[in-house]
Amino acid sequence: MTGHDESGRSVFLSDGPAPRHRDFQDLPGHGMAQLWCSGEGRGEGDDPTLVQASLIPGPGENSLLMVSFPPDAVMAAPIDPERALDEMIDALPGLFQCFEPDQPGMHRTPTIDYGIVLEGELWLELDDGQEKVLRAGDVIIQNATRHAWRNRSQQIAKAAFFMVGRPAD
């Protein structure tokens, strides 16, 4: 992250792992990192991801997430459900509550999302069963639609999601 010193000159403020990141214990290869978010009440040197409670940005705010998706076979493997649930609730505040318990992976956020597949391939499934495959370099604009991400390959896929909070309908 960059910023300014006392004289207004450009400086590097941090260079290292994102403070708000998680690799999920029961789902090898599944992880997330919130790299940045906007909002009120922080100074230039503060890492806003440590202050903001929810990963979901409010109206006019934004959030940048990096997500790694293991193959679907890993997501379907037996896990300790109580531990995995606690871990997801802790790591994904605001976002976890958008997921539908009876439809694994299906969710809708009140955001416009710019998604960029960085590595591997992901299938985007919409609520009516329509699907599209996205590969490294592909971009998708999600307009607060109900959807799920699937990784039908045998490799981990990585994507960046820049989420912009929409005004209330």
Protein backbone atom coordinates (compact mmCIF):
# COMPACT_ATOMS: atom_id res chain seq x y z
CA MET A 1 0.00 0.00 0.00
CA THR A 2 1.21 3.49 -0.74
CA GLY A 3 0.52 6.79 0.96
CA HIS A 4 2.30 10.01 1.92
CA ASP A 5 4.87 11.01 4.52
CA GLU A 6 4.71 14.21 6.60
CA SER A 7 6.02 16.30 3.69
CA GLY A 8 3.40 14.94 1.26
CA ARG A 9 5.90 12.76 -0.58
CA SER A 10 4.79 9.33 -1.88
CA VAL A 11 5.91 6.39 0.30
CA PHE A 12 5.27 2.68 0.70
CA LEU A 13 3.22 2.10 3.83
CA SER A 14 3.03 -1.69 3.74
CA ASP A 15 4.24 -4.62 1.69
CA GLY A 16 3.24 -8.08 2.82
CA PRO A 17 0.35 -10.45 3.33
CA ALA A 18 -3.09 -8.90 3.73
CA PRO A 19 -3.97 -8.65 7.43
CA ARG A 20 -7.50 -9.86 6.70
CA HIS A 21 -6.93 -13.20 4.99
CA ARG A 22 -7.93 -16.77 5.70
CA ASP A 23 -7.10 -20.20 4.32
CA PHE A 24 -9.94 -22.51 5.32
CA GLN A 25 -8.85 -25.47 7.42
CA ASP A 26 -11.44 -27.99 6.19
CA LEU A 27 -11.34 -26.94 2.54
CA PRO A 28 -7.76 -27.22 1.22
CA GLY A 29 -7.13 -24.62 -1.47
CA HIS A 30 -10.06 -22.42 -0.44
CA GLY A 31 -9.04 -19.02 0.82
CA MET A 32 -9.84 -15.33 0.74
CA ALA A 33 -8.14 -12.04 1.39
CA GLN A 34 -9.73 -8.63 1.63
CA LEU A 35 -7.09 -6.29 0.25
CA TRP A 36 -8.90 -2.98 0.56
CA CYS A 37 -12.21 -1.36 1.37
CA SER A 38 -13.54 2.15 1.65
CA GLY A 39 -15.70 3.64 4.33
CA GLU A 40 -15.71 6.24 7.06
CA GLY A 41 -13.59 6.77 10.14
CA ARG A 42 -10.01 5.92 9.23
CA GLY A 43 -6.83 7.79 8.50
CA GLU A 44 -4.50 7.22 5.58
CA GLY A 45 -2.12 4.95 7.48
CA ASP A 46 -4.83 2.72 8.92
CA ASP A 47 -5.63 -0.54 7.20
CA PRO A 48 -9.37 -0.15 6.59
CA THR A 49 -9.92 -3.90 6.32
CA LEU A 50 -9.19 -4.21 10.04
CA VAL A 51 -11.77 -1.55 10.93
CA GLN A 52 -14.69 -2.41 8.62
CA ALA A 53 -16.89 -5.13 10.14
CA SER A 54 -18.47 -6.49 6.95
CA LEU A 55 -16.85 -7.62 3.71
CA ILE A 56 -19.93 -6.25 1.93
CA PRO A 57 -19.53 -2.54 1.17
CA GLY A 58 -22.31 -0.10 1.96
CA PRO A 59 -23.87 2.14 -0.69
CA GLY A 60 -21.11 4.05 -2.50
CA GLU A 61 -18.35 2.09 -0.74
CA ASN A 62 -16.13 -0.63 -2.20
CA SER A 63 -14.27 -3.78 -1.23
CA LEU A 64 -11.53 -5.73 -3.03
CA LEU A 65 -11.43 -9.49 -2.41
CA MET A 66 -9.08 -12.16 -3.73
CA VAL A 67 -10.56 -15.66 -3.58
CA SER A 68 -9.09 -19.06 -4.30
CA PHE A 69 -11.59 -21.79 -5.23
CA PRO A 70 -10.60 -25.44 -4.89
CA PRO A 71 -12.12 -28.02 -7.23
CA ASP A 72 -15.76 -28.91 -6.51
CA ALA A 73 -14.60 -32.35 -5.33
CA VAL A 74 -12.80 -30.66 -2.40
CA MET A 75 -15.87 -28.56 -1.59
CA ALA A 76 -18.00 -31.75 -1.46
CA ALA A 77 -15.58 -33.75 0.72
CA PRO A 78 -16.59 -34.66 4.29
CA ILE A 79 -15.73 -31.93 6.79
CA ASP A 80 -16.32 -31.06 10.44
CA PRO A 81 -19.51 -29.05 9.81
CA GLU A 82 -19.52 -27.15 13.11
CA ARG A 83 -15.88 -26.07 12.79
CA ALA A 84 -16.29 -25.16 9.11
CA LEU A 85 -19.43 -23.12 9.88
CA ASP A 86 -17.70 -21.24 12.69
CA GLU A 87 -14.70 -20.56 10.46
CA MET A 88 -16.86 -19.25 7.60
CA ILE A 89 -18.91 -17.00 9.89
CA ASP A 90 -15.70 -15.56 11.36
CA ALA A 91 -13.86 -15.11 8.05
CA LEU A 92 -16.73 -13.88 5.89
CA PRO A 93 -18.77 -11.39 7.96
CA GLY A 94 -21.60 -9.90 5.95
CA LEU A 95 -20.81 -12.11 2.94
CA PHE A 96 -21.56 -15.39 4.72
CA GLN A 97 -25.08 -14.19 5.53
CA CYS A 98 -25.77 -13.75 1.77
CA PHE A 99 -25.37 -17.50 1.11
CA GLU A 100 -28.43 -19.74 0.95
CA PRO A 101 -28.23 -22.71 3.36
CA ASP A 102 -30.41 -24.97 1.17
CA GLN A 103 -28.56 -24.14 -2.10
CA PRO A 104 -24.79 -24.63 -1.58
CA GLY A 105 -22.78 -21.75 -3.01
CA MET A 106 -25.81 -19.80 -4.21
CA HIS A 107 -25.86 -16.20 -3.00
CA ARG A 108 -26.77 -12.63 -3.86
CA THR A 109 -24.96 -9.55 -2.60
CA PRO A 110 -26.31 -5.98 -2.71
CA THR A 111 -23.33 -4.96 -4.85
CA ILE A 112 -22.10 -4.52 -8.37
CA ASP A 113 -19.10 -6.82 -8.68
CA TYR A 114 -16.29 -6.67 -11.21
CA GLY A 115 -14.87 -10.19 -11.24
CA ILE A 116 -11.61 -11.11 -12.94
CA VAL A 117 -10.46 -14.73 -13.22
CA LEU A 118 -6.72 -14.68 -12.61
CA GLU A 119 -5.89 -18.38 -12.76
CA GLY A 120 -7.72 -21.55 -13.76
CA GLU A 121 -11.38 -21.60 -14.71
CA LEU A 122 -14.67 -21.02 -12.93
CA TRP A 123 -18.24 -21.75 -13.90
CA LEU A 124 -20.75 -19.02 -13.11
CA GLU A 125 -24.19 -20.49 -12.39
CA LEU A 126 -27.25 -18.23 -12.33
CA ASP A 127 -30.46 -18.90 -10.42
CA ASP A 128 -32.28 -20.36 -13.43
CA GLY A 129 -29.50 -22.89 -14.13
CA GLN A 130 -27.76 -20.95 -16.91
CA GLU A 131 -23.99 -21.39 -16.80
CA LYS A 132 -20.91 -19.86 -18.42
CA VAL A 133 -17.28 -20.85 -18.05
CA LEU A 134 -14.74 -18.11 -17.37
CA ARG A 135 -11.02 -18.62 -17.82
CA ALA A 136 -7.93 -16.65 -16.81
CA GLY A 137 -8.25 -13.11 -18.10
CA ASP A 138 -12.04 -13.19 -18.41
CA VAL A 139 -14.09 -10.48 -16.69
CA ILE A 140 -17.68 -10.66 -15.45
CA ILE A 141 -19.88 -7.83 -14.19
CA GLN A 142 -22.34 -9.07 -11.55
CA ASN A 143 -25.30 -6.72 -11.07
CA ALA A 144 -26.56 -7.99 -7.70
CA THR A 145 -27.71 -11.23 -9.33
CA ARG A 146 -28.28 -14.53 -7.55
CA HIS A 147 -25.40 -16.82 -8.52
CA ALA A 148 -22.85 -19.46 -7.49
CA TRP A 149 -19.24 -20.10 -8.48
CA ARG A 150 -18.23 -23.66 -9.39
CA ASN A 151 -14.77 -25.07 -10.08
CA ARG A 152 -15.28 -28.19 -12.18
CA SER A 153 -11.58 -28.55 -12.97
CA GLN A 154 -8.96 -30.41 -10.98
CA GLN A 155 -6.92 -27.23 -10.27
CA ILE A 156 -7.38 -24.33 -7.87
CA ALA A 157 -8.87 -21.25 -9.53
CA LYS A 158 -8.16 -17.70 -8.37
CA ALA A 159 -10.22 -14.57 -8.92
CA ALA A 160 -10.36 -10.93 -7.85
CA PHE A 161 -13.69 -9.31 -7.00
CA PHE A 162 -14.07 -5.55 -6.76
CA MET A 163 -17.43 -5.02 -5.06
CA VAL A 164 -19.24 -1.67 -5.17
CA GLY A 165 -22.15 -1.09 -2.78
CA ARG A 166 -25.43 -0.24 -4.53
CA PRO A 167 -27.95 2.26 -3.24
CA ALA A 168 -30.92 0.65 -1.51
CA ASP A 169 -33.72 -0.25 -3.93
